[in-house]
Amino acid sequence: MFDIECLLYPQFNHCNVVGIFYLSTRSSELLAKVDVLKDMLVFRDHPNQCIGLFDTGEIATAIKCICTA
């Protein structure tokens, strides 16, 4: 993904490379689960954003299922 010699330069953005590498090693299924989990946590913390979509029990069940799957 990058030239190893770049690591020798102080201007090299190693955090960015590590982040890109981390994301590239994750499966699309895992990334999709994380996206759904983030949405469910937002709905749990801000129930007014999901009026008519889910009730609190459904949100809690979804969170539990995602975290234990």
Protein backbone atom coordinates (compact mmCIF):
# COMPACT_ATOMS: atom_id res chain seq x y z
CA MET A 1 0.00 0.00 0.00
CA PHE A 2 2.98 2.32 0.50
CA ASP A 3 6.74 2.37 0.15
CA ILE A 4 8.40 1.11 3.35
CA GLU A 5 10.97 3.91 3.10
CA CYS A 6 8.16 6.38 3.73
CA LEU A 7 8.25 5.31 7.38
CA LEU A 8 11.59 7.07 7.72
CA TYR A 9 10.13 10.48 6.92
CA PRO A 10 8.60 12.48 9.78
CA GLN A 11 5.95 13.90 7.40
CA PHE A 12 4.61 10.41 6.71
CA ASN A 13 1.07 10.08 8.05
CA HIS A 14 1.39 6.69 9.74
CA CYS A 15 -1.93 7.03 11.54
CA ASN A 16 -3.74 7.32 8.23
CA VAL A 17 -2.00 4.20 6.85
CA VAL A 18 -2.79 2.21 9.97
CA GLY A 19 -6.43 3.30 9.78
CA ILE A 20 -6.73 2.37 6.12
CA PHE A 21 -5.04 -0.98 6.73
CA TYR A 22 -7.37 -1.68 9.68
CA LEU A 23 -10.46 -0.93 7.60
CA SER A 24 -9.19 -2.96 4.66
CA THR A 25 -8.71 -6.06 6.80
CA ARG A 26 -12.28 -6.08 8.06
CA SER A 27 -14.98 -7.97 6.25
CA SER A 28 -17.85 -6.12 4.68
CA GLU A 29 -20.20 -8.15 6.89
CA LEU A 30 -18.48 -6.91 10.05
CA LEU A 31 -18.52 -3.32 8.84
CA ALA A 32 -22.25 -3.62 8.06
CA LYS A 33 -22.92 -4.97 11.56
CA VAL A 34 -21.02 -2.06 13.09
CA ASP A 35 -23.05 0.42 11.03
CA VAL A 36 -26.32 -1.14 12.22
CA LEU A 37 -25.04 -1.18 15.80
CA LYS A 38 -24.17 2.52 15.60
CA ASP A 39 -27.68 3.27 14.32
CA MET A 40 -29.30 1.23 17.09
CA LEU A 41 -27.22 3.01 19.73
CA VAL A 42 -28.30 6.38 18.34
CA PHE A 43 -31.92 5.26 18.40
CA ARG A 44 -31.50 3.99 21.97
CA ASP A 45 -29.97 7.28 23.12
CA HIS A 46 -32.33 9.47 21.04
CA PRO A 47 -35.65 7.61 20.78
CA ASN A 48 -37.33 10.62 19.15
CA GLN A 49 -35.30 9.86 15.99
CA CYS A 50 -36.96 6.50 15.45
CA ILE A 51 -40.61 7.18 16.27
CA GLY A 52 -42.71 4.61 14.45
CA LEU A 53 -39.70 2.47 13.49
CA PHE A 54 -38.70 0.59 16.64
CA ASP A 55 -39.76 0.45 20.25
CA THR A 56 -37.21 0.32 23.09
CA GLY A 57 -37.49 -3.45 23.43
CA GLU A 58 -36.75 -4.00 19.75
CA ILE A 59 -33.75 -1.69 19.93
CA ALA A 60 -32.38 -3.51 22.98
CA THR A 61 -32.89 -6.88 21.26
CA ALA A 62 -31.13 -5.69 18.11
CA ILE A 63 -28.17 -4.40 20.11
CA LYS A 64 -27.92 -7.65 22.04
CA CYS A 65 -28.12 -9.76 18.87
CA ILE A 66 -25.46 -7.73 17.07
CA CYS A 67 -23.10 -7.85 20.04
CA THR A 68 -23.44 -11.57 20.60
CA ALA A 69 -23.42 -12.74 16.98
